[in-house]
PDB file of N, CA and C in Angstrom:
ATOM      1  N   MET A   1       0.851  -1.190  -0.020  1.00  0.00           N
ATOM      2  CA  MET A   1       0.038   0.016   0.002  1.00  0.00           C
ATOM      3  C   MET A   1       0.891   1.260   0.009  1.00  0.00           C
ATOM      4  N   ILE A   2       0.469   2.212  -0.701  1.00  0.00           N
ATOM      5  CA  ILE A   2       1.116   3.491  -0.816  1.00  0.00           C
ATOM      6  C   ILE A   2       0.221   4.582  -0.261  1.00  0.00           C
ATOM      7  N   PRO A   3       0.658   5.313   0.766  1.00  0.00           N
ATOM      8  CA  PRO A   3      -0.204   6.397   1.246  1.00  0.00           C
ATOM      9  C   PRO A   3      -0.227   7.567   0.279  1.00  0.00           C
ATOM     10  N   LEU A   4      -1.385   7.964  -0.104  1.00  0.00           N
ATOM     11  CA  LEU A   4      -1.571   9.067  -0.981  1.00  0.00           C
ATOM     12  C   LEU A   4      -2.373  10.182  -0.286  1.00  0.00           C
ATOM     13  N   ILE A   5      -1.718  11.229   0.010  1.00  0.00           N
ATOM     14  CA  ILE A   5      -2.358  12.314   0.754  1.00  0.00           C
ATOM     15  C   ILE A   5      -2.499  13.548  -0.149  1.00  0.00           C
ATOM     16  N   VAL A   6      -3.694  14.072  -0.218  1.00  0.00           N
ATOM     17  CA  VAL A   6      -3.938  15.279  -1.017  1.00  0.00           C
ATOM     18  C   VAL A   6      -4.312  16.371  -0.043  1.00  0.00           C
ATOM     19  N   PRO A   7      -3.469  17.309   0.257  1.00  0.00           N
ATOM     20  CA  PRO A   7      -3.837  18.354   1.227  1.00  0.00           C
ATOM     21  C   PRO A   7      -4.869  19.339   0.616  1.00  0.00           C
ATOM     22  N   PRO A   8      -5.581  20.006   1.533  1.00  0.00           N
ATOM     23  CA  PRO A   8      -6.624  20.939   1.042  1.00  0.00           C
ATOM     24  C   PRO A   8      -5.998  22.298   0.579  1.00  0.00           C
ATOM     25  N   VAL A   9      -5.318  22.224  -0.471  1.00  0.00           N
ATOM     26  CA  VAL A   9      -4.693  23.430  -1.003  1.00  0.00           C
ATOM     27  C   VAL A   9      -5.162  23.539  -2.523  1.00  0.00           C
ATOM     28  N   PRO A  10      -5.151  24.795  -3.056  1.00  0.00           N
ATOM     29  CA  PRO A  10      -5.655  24.930  -4.463  1.00  0.00           C
ATOM     30  C   PRO A  10      -4.847  24.149  -5.507  1.00  0.00           C
ATOM     31  N   ASN A  11      -3.554  24.151  -5.414  1.00  0.00           N
ATOM     32  CA  ASN A  11      -2.686  23.448  -6.367  1.00  0.00           C
ATOM     33  C   ASN A  11      -2.320  22.090  -5.835  1.00  0.00           C
ATOM     34  N   LYS A  12      -3.099  21.079  -6.171  1.00  0.00           N
ATOM     35  CA  LYS A  12      -2.828  19.739  -5.559  1.00  0.00           C
ATOM     36  C   LYS A  12      -1.830  18.999  -6.435  1.00  0.00           C
ATOM     37  N   ILE A  13      -0.895  18.334  -5.760  1.00  0.00           N
ATOM     38  CA  ILE A  13       0.032  17.445  -6.505  1.00  0.00           C
ATOM     39  C   ILE A  13      -0.553  16.075  -6.510  1.00  0.00           C
ATOM     40  N   ARG A  14      -0.934  15.611  -7.738  1.00  0.00           N
ATOM     41  CA  ARG A  14      -1.591  14.338  -7.837  1.00  0.00           C
ATOM     42  C   ARG A  14      -1.005  13.559  -8.985  1.00  0.00           C
ATOM     43  N   SER A  15       0.307  13.383  -8.972  1.00  0.00           N
ATOM     44  CA  SER A  15       0.981  12.791 -10.071  1.00  0.00           C
ATOM     45  C   SER A  15       1.031  11.232 -10.037  1.00  0.00           C
ATOM     46  N   HIS A  16       0.680  10.642  -8.984  1.00  0.00           N
ATOM     47  CA  HIS A  16       0.727   9.195  -8.884  1.00  0.00           C
ATOM     48  C   HIS A  16      -0.331   8.605  -9.828  1.00  0.00           C
ATOM     49  N   PRO A  17       0.000   7.511 -10.547  1.00  0.00           N
ATOM     50  CA  PRO A  17      -0.966   6.876 -11.476  1.00  0.00           C
ATOM     51  C   PRO A  17      -2.275   6.490 -10.879  1.00  0.00           C
ATOM     52  N   LEU A  18      -2.298   6.223  -9.573  1.00  0.00           N
ATOM     53  CA  LEU A  18      -3.552   5.818  -8.955  1.00  0.00           C
ATOM     54  C   LEU A  18      -4.582   6.950  -9.019  1.00  0.00           C
ATOM     55  N   PHE A  19      -4.119   8.186  -8.992  1.00  0.00           N
ATOM     56  CA  PHE A  19      -5.024   9.327  -9.093  1.00  0.00           C
ATOM     57  C   PHE A  19      -5.682   9.373 -10.452  1.00  0.00           C
ATOM     58  N   TRP A  20      -4.874   9.074 -11.498  1.00  0.00           N
ATOM     59  CA  TRP A  20      -5.394   9.038 -12.853  1.00  0.00           C
ATOM     60  C   TRP A  20      -6.540   8.013 -12.988  1.00  0.00           C
ATOM     61  N   LYS A  21      -6.282   6.797 -12.430  1.00  0.00           N
ATOM     62  CA  LYS A  21      -7.300   5.787 -12.466  1.00  0.00           C
ATOM     63  C   LYS A  21      -8.531   6.118 -11.598  1.00  0.00           C
ATOM     64  N   THR A  22      -8.285   6.698 -10.441  1.00  0.00           N
ATOM     65  CA  THR A  22      -9.394   7.073  -9.614  1.00  0.00           C
ATOM     66  C   THR A  22     -10.271   8.127 -10.231  1.00  0.00           C
ATOM     67  N   ASP A  23      -9.651   9.145 -10.842  1.00  0.00           N
ATOM     68  CA  ASP A  23     -10.388  10.181 -11.521  1.00  0.00           C
ATOM     69  C   ASP A  23     -11.259   9.600 -12.635  1.00  0.00           C
ATOM     70  N   LYS A  24     -10.678   8.678 -13.433  1.00  0.00           N
ATOM     71  CA  LYS A  24     -11.436   8.032 -14.487  1.00  0.00           C
ATOM     72  C   LYS A  24     -12.587   7.260 -13.938  1.00  0.00           C
ATOM     73  N   ASP A  25     -12.362   6.499 -12.812  1.00  0.00           N
ATOM     74  CA  ASP A  25     -13.407   5.725 -12.236  1.00  0.00           C
ATOM     75  C   ASP A  25     -14.579   6.628 -11.736  1.00  0.00           C
ATOM     76  N   VAL A  26     -14.225   7.724 -11.121  1.00  0.00           N
ATOM     77  CA  VAL A  26     -15.211   8.651 -10.589  1.00  0.00           C
ATOM     78  C   VAL A  26     -16.020   9.221 -11.780  1.00  0.00           C
ATOM     79  N   TYR A  27     -15.392   9.598 -12.800  1.00  0.00           N
ATOM     80  CA  TYR A  27     -16.019  10.173 -13.973  1.00  0.00           C
ATOM     81  C   TYR A  27     -16.972   9.153 -14.593  1.00  0.00           C
ATOM     82  N   ASN A  28     -16.529   7.919 -14.752  1.00  0.00           N
ATOM     83  CA  ASN A  28     -17.359   6.867 -15.373  1.00  0.00           C
ATOM     84  C   ASN A  28     -18.551   6.513 -14.477  1.00  0.00           C
ATOM     85  N   ALA A  29     -18.282   6.461 -13.181  1.00  0.00           N
ATOM     86  CA  ALA A  29     -19.428   6.129 -12.273  1.00  0.00           C
ATOM     87  C   ALA A  29     -20.461   7.223 -12.313  1.00  0.00           C
ATOM     88  N   LEU A  30     -20.049   8.462 -12.357  1.00  0.00           N
ATOM     89  CA  LEU A  30     -21.063   9.584 -12.373  1.00  0.00           C
ATOM     90  C   LEU A  30     -21.812   9.635 -13.715  1.00  0.00           C
ATOM     91  N   LEU A  31     -21.263   9.091 -14.722  1.00  0.00           N
ATOM     92  CA  LEU A  31     -21.971   9.053 -16.060  1.00  0.00           C
ATOM     93  C   LEU A  31     -23.180   8.172 -15.978  1.00  0.00           C
ATOM     94  N   HIS A  32     -23.154   7.152 -15.084  1.00  0.00           N
ATOM     95  CA  HIS A  32     -24.182   6.125 -15.104  1.00  0.00           C
ATOM     96  C   HIS A  32     -24.981   5.953 -13.790  1.00  0.00           C
ATOM     97  N   ALA A  33     -24.543   6.648 -12.724  1.00  0.00           N
ATOM     98  CA  ALA A  33     -25.208   6.441 -11.447  1.00  0.00           C
ATOM     99  C   ALA A  33     -26.595   7.090 -11.364  1.00  0.00           C
ATOM    100  N   ASP A  34     -27.527   6.376 -10.693  1.00  0.00           N
ATOM    101  CA  ASP A  34     -28.808   6.974 -10.451  1.00  0.00           C
ATOM    102  C   ASP A  34     -28.775   7.662  -9.105  1.00  0.00           C
ATOM    103  N   ILE A  35     -28.053   7.087  -8.145  1.00  0.00           N
ATOM    104  CA  ILE A  35     -27.938   7.610  -6.785  1.00  0.00           C
ATOM    105  C   ILE A  35     -26.420   7.808  -6.472  1.00  0.00           C
ATOM    106  N   VAL A  36     -26.134   8.968  -5.877  1.00  0.00           N
ATOM    107  CA  VAL A  36     -24.718   9.264  -5.501  1.00  0.00           C
ATOM    108  C   VAL A  36     -24.719   9.522  -4.016  1.00  0.00           C
ATOM    109  N   VAL A  37     -23.774   8.884  -3.302  1.00  0.00           N
ATOM    110  CA  VAL A  37     -23.631   9.058  -1.865  1.00  0.00           C
ATOM    111  C   VAL A  37     -22.311   9.672  -1.577  1.00  0.00           C
ATOM    112  N   ILE A  38     -22.316  10.810  -0.925  1.00  0.00           N
ATOM    113  CA  ILE A  38     -21.115  11.553  -0.575  1.00  0.00           C
ATOM    114  C   ILE A  38     -20.892  11.392   0.947  1.00  0.00           C
ATOM    115  N   ILE A  39     -19.746  10.876   1.348  1.00  0.00           N
ATOM    116  CA  ILE A  39     -19.447  10.672   2.775  1.00  0.00           C
ATOM    117  C   ILE A  39     -18.190  11.437   3.160  1.00  0.00           C
ATOM    118  N   GLY A  40     -18.355  12.457   4.060  1.00  0.00           N
ATOM    119  CA  GLY A  40     -17.231  13.120   4.613  1.00  0.00           C
ATOM    120  C   GLY A  40     -16.499  14.109   3.696  1.00  0.00           C
ATOM    121  N   TRP A  41     -17.129  14.584   2.648  1.00  0.00           N
ATOM    122  CA  TRP A  41     -16.523  15.620   1.790  1.00  0.00           C
ATOM    123  C   TRP A  41     -17.453  16.796   1.760  1.00  0.00           C
ATOM    124  N   SER A  42     -16.901  17.938   2.165  1.00  0.00           N
ATOM    125  CA  SER A  42     -17.711  19.140   2.272  1.00  0.00           C
ATOM    126  C   SER A  42     -17.571  20.039   1.045  1.00  0.00           C
ATOM    127  N   MET A  43     -16.924  19.588  -0.022  1.00  0.00           N
ATOM    128  CA  MET A  43     -16.711  20.276  -1.255  1.00  0.00           C
ATOM    129  C   MET A  43     -16.117  21.671  -1.007  1.00  0.00           C
ATOM    130  N   PRO A  44     -14.946  21.780  -0.416  1.00  0.00           N
ATOM    131  CA  PRO A  44     -14.325  23.070  -0.152  1.00  0.00           C
ATOM    132  C   PRO A  44     -13.912  23.757  -1.492  1.00  0.00           C
ATOM    133  N   LEU A  45     -13.745  25.031  -1.421  1.00  0.00           N
ATOM    134  CA  LEU A  45     -13.357  25.754  -2.650  1.00  0.00           C
ATOM    135  C   LEU A  45     -12.016  25.306  -3.203  1.00  0.00           C
ATOM    136  N   THR A  46     -11.159  24.779  -2.369  1.00  0.00           N
ATOM    137  CA  THR A  46      -9.846  24.274  -2.830  1.00  0.00           C
ATOM    138  C   THR A  46      -9.943  22.984  -3.681  1.00  0.00           C
ATOM    139  N   ASP A  47     -11.100  22.432  -3.768  1.00  0.00           N
ATOM    140  CA  ASP A  47     -11.312  21.206  -4.623  1.00  0.00           C
ATOM    141  C   ASP A  47     -11.871  21.605  -5.934  1.00  0.00           C
ATOM    142  N   GLN A  48     -11.505  22.650  -6.525  1.00  0.00           N
ATOM    143  CA  GLN A  48     -11.995  23.058  -7.842  1.00  0.00           C
ATOM    144  C   GLN A  48     -11.857  21.990  -8.936  1.00  0.00           C
ATOM    145  N   TYR A  49     -10.693  21.317  -8.894  1.00  0.00           N
ATOM    146  CA  TYR A  49     -10.452  20.321  -9.929  1.00  0.00           C
ATOM    147  C   TYR A  49     -11.540  19.231  -9.886  1.00  0.00           C
ATOM    148  N   LEU A  50     -11.798  18.779  -8.675  1.00  0.00           N
ATOM    149  CA  LEU A  50     -12.837  17.685  -8.573  1.00  0.00           C
ATOM    150  C   LEU A  50     -14.196  18.251  -8.929  1.00  0.00           C
ATOM    151  N   ARG A  51     -14.506  19.464  -8.547  1.00  0.00           N
ATOM    152  CA  ARG A  51     -15.813  20.094  -8.921  1.00  0.00           C
ATOM    153  C   ARG A  51     -15.864  20.077 -10.452  1.00  0.00           C
ATOM    154  N   ASP A  52     -14.853  20.486 -11.112  1.00  0.00           N
ATOM    155  CA  ASP A  52     -14.869  20.556 -12.612  1.00  0.00           C
ATOM    156  C   ASP A  52     -15.073  19.158 -13.194  1.00  0.00           C
ATOM    157  N   THR A  53     -14.402  18.171 -12.622  1.00  0.00           N
ATOM    158  CA  THR A  53     -14.547  16.787 -13.116  1.00  0.00           C
ATOM    159  C   THR A  53     -15.977  16.274 -12.942  1.00  0.00           C
ATOM    160  N   ILE A  54     -16.569  16.631 -11.843  1.00  0.00           N
ATOM    161  CA  ILE A  54     -17.991  16.231 -11.554  1.00  0.00           C
ATOM    162  C   ILE A  54     -18.867  16.926 -12.564  1.00  0.00           C
ATOM    163  N   MET A  55     -18.735  18.208 -12.761  1.00  0.00           N
ATOM    164  CA  MET A  55     -19.538  18.985 -13.696  1.00  0.00           C
ATOM    165  C   MET A  55     -19.404  18.468 -15.120  1.00  0.00           C
ATOM    166  N   ARG A  56     -18.206  18.099 -15.504  1.00  0.00           N
ATOM    167  CA  ARG A  56     -17.994  17.586 -16.888  1.00  0.00           C
ATOM    168  C   ARG A  56     -18.722  16.277 -17.012  1.00  0.00           C
ATOM    169  N   ALA A  57     -18.607  15.374 -16.022  1.00  0.00           N
ATOM    170  CA  ALA A  57     -19.328  14.063 -16.120  1.00  0.00           C
ATOM    171  C   ALA A  57     -20.811  14.321 -16.203  1.00  0.00           C
ATOM    172  N   LEU A  58     -21.322  15.153 -15.336  1.00  0.00           N
ATOM    173  CA  LEU A  58     -22.791  15.375 -15.293  1.00  0.00           C
ATOM    174  C   LEU A  58     -23.319  16.051 -16.535  1.00  0.00           C
ATOM    175  N   SER A  59     -22.455  16.852 -17.197  1.00  0.00           N
ATOM    176  CA  SER A  59     -22.947  17.508 -18.412  1.00  0.00           C
ATOM    177  C   SER A  59     -22.978  16.552 -19.576  1.00  0.00           C
ATOM    178  N   ASN A  60     -22.374  15.370 -19.434  1.00  0.00           N
ATOM    179  CA  ASN A  60     -22.380  14.344 -20.482  1.00  0.00           C
ATOM    180  C   ASN A  60     -23.397  13.280 -20.248  1.00  0.00           C
ATOM    181  N   ARG A  61     -24.192  13.412 -19.179  1.00  0.00           N
ATOM    182  CA  ARG A  61     -25.275  12.460 -18.860  1.00  0.00           C
ATOM    183  C   ARG A  61     -26.456  12.731 -19.711  1.00  0.00           C
ATOM    184  N   GLU A  62     -27.256  11.694 -19.952  1.00  0.00           N
ATOM    185  CA  GLU A  62     -28.552  11.896 -20.627  1.00  0.00           C
ATOM    186  C   GLU A  62     -29.685  12.180 -19.691  1.00  0.00           C
ATOM    187  N   GLU A  63     -29.536  11.758 -18.417  1.00  0.00           N
ATOM    188  CA  GLU A  63     -30.537  12.000 -17.423  1.00  0.00           C
ATOM    189  C   GLU A  63     -29.929  12.570 -16.165  1.00  0.00           C
ATOM    190  N   GLN A  64     -30.804  13.305 -15.474  1.00  0.00           N
ATOM    191  CA  GLN A  64     -30.402  13.904 -14.194  1.00  0.00           C
ATOM    192  C   GLN A  64     -30.219  12.784 -13.099  1.00  0.00           C
ATOM    193  N   ILE A  65     -29.307  13.019 -12.163  1.00  0.00           N
ATOM    194  CA  ILE A  65     -29.160  12.103 -11.056  1.00  0.00           C
ATOM    195  C   ILE A  65     -30.443  12.138 -10.233  1.00  0.00           C
ATOM    196  N   LYS A  66     -30.897  10.924  -9.909  1.00  0.00           N
ATOM    197  CA  LYS A  66     -32.193  10.800  -9.202  1.00  0.00           C
ATOM    198  C   LYS A  66     -32.087  11.230  -7.751  1.00  0.00           C
ATOM    199  N   LYS A  67     -31.044  10.820  -7.054  1.00  0.00           N
ATOM    200  CA  LYS A  67     -30.932  11.102  -5.622  1.00  0.00           C
ATOM    201  C   LYS A  67     -29.486  11.327  -5.277  1.00  0.00           C
ATOM    202  N   LEU A  68     -29.270  12.322  -4.439  1.00  0.00           N
ATOM    203  CA  LEU A  68     -27.898  12.611  -3.875  1.00  0.00           C
ATOM    204  C   LEU A  68     -28.019  12.612  -2.363  1.00  0.00           C
ATOM    205  N   ILE A  69     -27.208  11.761  -1.733  1.00  0.00           N
ATOM    206  CA  ILE A  69     -27.200  11.691  -0.231  1.00  0.00           C
ATOM    207  C   ILE A  69     -25.832  12.119   0.270  1.00  0.00           C
ATOM    208  N   VAL A  70     -25.861  13.125   1.190  1.00  0.00           N
ATOM    209  CA  VAL A  70     -24.648  13.730   1.709  1.00  0.00           C
ATOM    210  C   VAL A  70     -24.550  13.392   3.193  1.00  0.00           C
ATOM    211  N   CYS A  71     -23.415  12.811   3.595  1.00  0.00           N
ATOM    212  CA  CYS A  71     -23.161  12.472   4.986  1.00  0.00           C
ATOM    213  C   CYS A  71     -21.940  13.271   5.452  1.00  0.00           C
ATOM    214  N   ASP A  72     -22.085  14.111   6.446  1.00  0.00           N
ATOM    215  CA  ASP A  72     -21.006  14.888   6.963  1.00  0.00           C
ATOM    216  C   ASP A  72     -21.319  15.283   8.403  1.00  0.00           C
ATOM    217  N   TYR A  73     -20.329  15.826   9.089  1.00  0.00           N
ATOM    218  CA  TYR A  73     -20.565  16.344  10.469  1.00  0.00           C
ATOM    219  C   TYR A  73     -21.157  17.743  10.363  1.00  0.00           C
ATOM    220  N   LYS A  74     -21.834  18.164  11.386  1.00  0.00           N
ATOM    221  CA  LYS A  74     -22.451  19.486  11.403  1.00  0.00           C
ATOM    222  C   LYS A  74     -21.341  20.570  11.678  1.00  0.00           C
ATOM    223  N   GLN A  75     -20.409  20.693  10.748  1.00  0.00           N
ATOM    224  CA  GLN A  75     -19.361  21.700  10.927  1.00  0.00           C
ATOM    225  C   GLN A  75     -19.782  23.027  10.413  1.00  0.00           C
ATOM    226  N   GLU A  76     -20.907  23.061   9.751  1.00  0.00           N
ATOM    227  CA  GLU A  76     -21.418  24.308   9.223  1.00  0.00           C
ATOM    228  C   GLU A  76     -22.921  24.122   9.008  1.00  0.00           C
ATOM    229  N   SER A  77     -23.576  25.120   8.572  1.00  0.00           N
ATOM    230  CA  SER A  77     -24.979  25.047   8.345  1.00  0.00           C
ATOM    231  C   SER A  77     -25.292  23.987   7.303  1.00  0.00           C
ATOM    232  N   GLY A  78     -26.228  23.052   7.608  1.00  0.00           N
ATOM    233  CA  GLY A  78     -26.572  21.997   6.671  1.00  0.00           C
ATOM    234  C   GLY A  78     -27.084  22.550   5.337  1.00  0.00           C
ATOM    235  N   ALA A  79     -27.754  23.734   5.434  1.00  0.00           N
ATOM    236  CA  ALA A  79     -28.320  24.379   4.243  1.00  0.00           C
ATOM    237  C   ALA A  79     -27.185  24.815   3.258  1.00  0.00           C
ATOM    238  N   ASP A  80     -26.092  25.396   3.890  1.00  0.00           N
ATOM    239  CA  ASP A  80     -25.004  25.855   3.071  1.00  0.00           C
ATOM    240  C   ASP A  80     -24.304  24.670   2.354  1.00  0.00           C
ATOM    241  N   LEU A  81     -24.113  23.581   3.136  1.00  0.00           N
ATOM    242  CA  LEU A  81     -23.460  22.399   2.558  1.00  0.00           C
ATOM    243  C   LEU A  81     -24.279  21.810   1.432  1.00  0.00           C
ATOM    244  N   LEU A  82     -25.551  21.687   1.663  1.00  0.00           N
ATOM    245  CA  LEU A  82     -26.410  21.115   0.641  1.00  0.00           C
ATOM    246  C   LEU A  82     -26.526  22.022  -0.587  1.00  0.00           C
ATOM    247  N   ALA A  83     -26.509  23.348  -0.401  1.00  0.00           N
ATOM    248  CA  ALA A  83     -26.573  24.233  -1.563  1.00  0.00           C
ATOM    249  C   ALA A  83     -25.336  24.056  -2.445  1.00  0.00           C
ATOM    250  N   ARG A  84     -24.218  23.842  -1.870  1.00  0.00           N
ATOM    251  CA  ARG A  84     -23.004  23.619  -2.690  1.00  0.00           C
ATOM    252  C   ARG A  84     -23.161  22.320  -3.545  1.00  0.00           C
ATOM    253  N   PHE A  85     -23.599  21.276  -2.929  1.00  0.00           N
ATOM    254  CA  PHE A  85     -23.798  20.024  -3.669  1.00  0.00           C
ATOM    255  C   PHE A  85     -24.906  20.153  -4.697  1.00  0.00           C
ATOM    256  N   GLU A  86     -26.010  20.817  -4.316  1.00  0.00           N
ATOM    257  CA  GLU A  86     -27.117  20.961  -5.272  1.00  0.00           C
ATOM    258  C   GLU A  86     -26.666  21.739  -6.495  1.00  0.00           C
ATOM    259  N   SER A  87     -25.822  22.770  -6.297  1.00  0.00           N
ATOM    260  CA  SER A  87     -25.411  23.608  -7.447  1.00  0.00           C
ATOM    261  C   SER A  87     -24.513  22.842  -8.428  1.00  0.00           C
ATOM    262  N   ILE A  88     -23.810  21.806  -7.954  1.00  0.00           N
ATOM    263  CA  ILE A  88     -22.949  21.024  -8.852  1.00  0.00           C
ATOM    264  C   ILE A  88     -23.679  19.806  -9.403  1.00  0.00           C
ATOM    265  N   PHE A  89     -24.339  19.035  -8.536  1.00  0.00           N
ATOM    266  CA  PHE A  89     -24.933  17.775  -8.944  1.00  0.00           C
ATOM    267  C   PHE A  89     -26.355  17.964  -9.565  1.00  0.00           C
ATOM    268  N   ARG A  90     -27.093  18.985  -9.157  1.00  0.00           N
ATOM    269  CA  ARG A  90     -28.447  19.275  -9.630  1.00  0.00           C
ATOM    270  C   ARG A  90     -29.342  17.952  -9.662  1.00  0.00           C
ATOM    271  N   PRO A  91     -29.407  17.298  -8.482  1.00  0.00           N
ATOM    272  CA  PRO A  91     -30.197  16.075  -8.457  1.00  0.00           C
ATOM    273  C   PRO A  91     -31.662  16.319  -8.365  1.00  0.00           C
ATOM    274  N   ARG A  92     -32.457  15.334  -8.702  1.00  0.00           N
ATOM    275  CA  ARG A  92     -33.934  15.484  -8.519  1.00  0.00           C
ATOM    276  C   ARG A  92     -34.255  15.612  -7.036  1.00  0.00           C
ATOM    277  N   GLU A  93     -33.492  14.840  -6.225  1.00  0.00           N
ATOM    278  CA  GLU A  93     -33.782  14.846  -4.766  1.00  0.00           C
ATOM    279  C   GLU A  93     -32.456  14.805  -4.044  1.00  0.00           C
ATOM    280  N   ILE A  94     -32.409  15.555  -2.960  1.00  0.00           N
ATOM    281  CA  ILE A  94     -31.141  15.607  -2.123  1.00  0.00           C
ATOM    282  C   ILE A  94     -31.535  15.335  -0.666  1.00  0.00           C
ATOM    283  N   LYS A  95     -30.776  14.450   0.021  1.00  0.00           N
ATOM    284  CA  LYS A  95     -31.034  14.108   1.399  1.00  0.00           C
ATOM    285  C   LYS A  95     -29.655  14.314   2.156  1.00  0.00           C
ATOM    286  N   SER A  96     -29.789  14.664   3.384  1.00  0.00           N
ATOM    287  CA  SER A  96     -28.553  14.820   4.178  1.00  0.00           C
ATOM    288  C   SER A  96     -28.596  14.114   5.499  1.00  0.00           C
ATOM    289  N   TRP A  97     -27.427  13.742   5.985  1.00  0.00           N
ATOM    290  CA  TRP A  97     -27.237  13.145   7.249  1.00  0.00           C
ATOM    291  C   TRP A  97     -26.017  13.894   7.834  1.00  0.00           C
ATOM    292  N   LEU A  98     -26.258  14.779   8.765  1.00  0.00           N
ATOM    293  CA  LEU A  98     -25.215  15.716   9.284  1.00  0.00           C
ATOM    294  C   LEU A  98     -24.659  15.264  10.613  1.00  0.00           C
ATOM    295  N   ASP A  99     -24.844  13.996  10.949  1.00  0.00           N
ATOM    296  CA  ASP A  99     -24.261  13.499  12.230  1.00  0.00           C
ATOM    297  C   ASP A  99     -23.030  12.618  12.051  1.00  0.00           C
ATOM    298  N   GLY A 100     -22.519  12.631  10.795  1.00  0.00           N
ATOM    299  CA  GLY A 100     -21.340  11.819  10.531  1.00  0.00           C
ATOM    300  C   GLY A 100     -21.664  10.299  10.237  1.00  0.00           C
ATOM    301  N   PHE A 101     -20.615   9.605   9.903  1.00  0.00           N
ATOM    302  CA  PHE A 101     -20.789   8.187   9.537  1.00  0.00           C
ATOM    303  C   PHE A 101     -20.871   7.373  10.825  1.00  0.00           C
ATOM    304  N   ASP A 102     -22.072   6.819  11.025  1.00  0.00           N
ATOM    305  CA  ASP A 102     -22.340   5.993  12.189  1.00  0.00           C
ATOM    306  C   ASP A 102     -23.340   4.930  11.823  1.00  0.00           C
ATOM    307  N   ARG A 103     -23.718   4.071  12.761  1.00  0.00           N
ATOM    308  CA  ARG A 103     -24.665   3.026  12.551  1.00  0.00           C
ATOM    309  C   ARG A 103     -25.972   3.519  12.068  1.00  0.00           C
ATOM    310  N   GLU A 104     -26.399   4.658  12.652  1.00  0.00           N
ATOM    311  CA  GLU A 104     -27.719   5.223  12.247  1.00  0.00           C
ATOM    312  C   GLU A 104     -27.693   5.697  10.792  1.00  0.00           C
ATOM    313  N   PHE A 105     -26.522   6.168  10.338  1.00  0.00           N
ATOM    314  CA  PHE A 105     -26.437   6.583   8.906  1.00  0.00           C
ATOM    315  C   PHE A 105     -26.561   5.361   8.025  1.00  0.00           C
ATOM    316  N   VAL A 106     -25.891   4.252   8.431  1.00  0.00           N
ATOM    317  CA  VAL A 106     -25.988   3.052   7.638  1.00  0.00           C
ATOM    318  C   VAL A 106     -27.463   2.578   7.515  1.00  0.00           C
ATOM    319  N   ASP A 107     -28.188   2.632   8.636  1.00  0.00           N
ATOM    320  CA  ASP A 107     -29.624   2.271   8.596  1.00  0.00           C
ATOM    321  C   ASP A 107     -30.388   3.256   7.699  1.00  0.00           C
ATOM    322  N   PHE A 108     -30.134   4.501   7.812  1.00  0.00           N
ATOM    323  CA  PHE A 108     -30.745   5.578   6.977  1.00  0.00           C
ATOM    324  C   PHE A 108     -30.453   5.235   5.477  1.00  0.00           C
ATOM    325  N   LEU A 109     -29.198   4.913   5.171  1.00  0.00           N
ATOM    326  CA  LEU A 109     -28.791   4.631   3.822  1.00  0.00           C
ATOM    327  C   LEU A 109     -29.532   3.434   3.282  1.00  0.00           C
ATOM    328  N   LYS A 110     -29.702   2.421   4.053  1.00  0.00           N
ATOM    329  CA  LYS A 110     -30.404   1.160   3.622  1.00  0.00           C
ATOM    330  C   LYS A 110     -31.865   1.531   3.287  1.00  0.00           C
ATOM    331  N   GLU A 111     -32.450   2.426   4.024  1.00  0.00           N
ATOM    332  CA  GLU A 111     -33.850   2.836   3.708  1.00  0.00           C
ATOM    333  C   GLU A 111     -33.905   3.687   2.427  1.00  0.00           C
ATOM    334  N   GLU A 112     -32.894   4.481   2.189  1.00  0.00           N
ATOM    335  CA  GLU A 112     -32.895   5.392   1.041  1.00  0.00           C
ATOM    336  C   GLU A 112     -32.557   4.693  -0.265  1.00  0.00           C
ATOM    337  N   LEU A 113     -31.798   3.618  -0.191  1.00  0.00           N
ATOM    338  CA  LEU A 113     -31.407   2.909  -1.436  1.00  0.00           C
ATOM    339  C   LEU A 113     -32.451   1.838  -1.769  1.00  0.00           C
TER     340      LEU A 113
END
């Protein structure tokens, strides 16, 4: 295993081949997914590259994502967090779980999927 750390800075160094494969996998999954689950990512401004990748994949879809589920801690207003995701993903439905990844979230996710 190789530790790959991407710090929250605007100019990310992501030269390892695993990042290339991961980016392609994310892009391809977003092209076909009906439901997207985000766990522990608050979509900070420093992640512009990933935002652009998501927007590019979504603009090449034939249908809108049906449901987006966001799981994060209550580090900020839930409305602000969801607004960022809604502006990029533009799903038909968006749900949030702002208590972090726990057993209750897993149960919630089972019900939503």
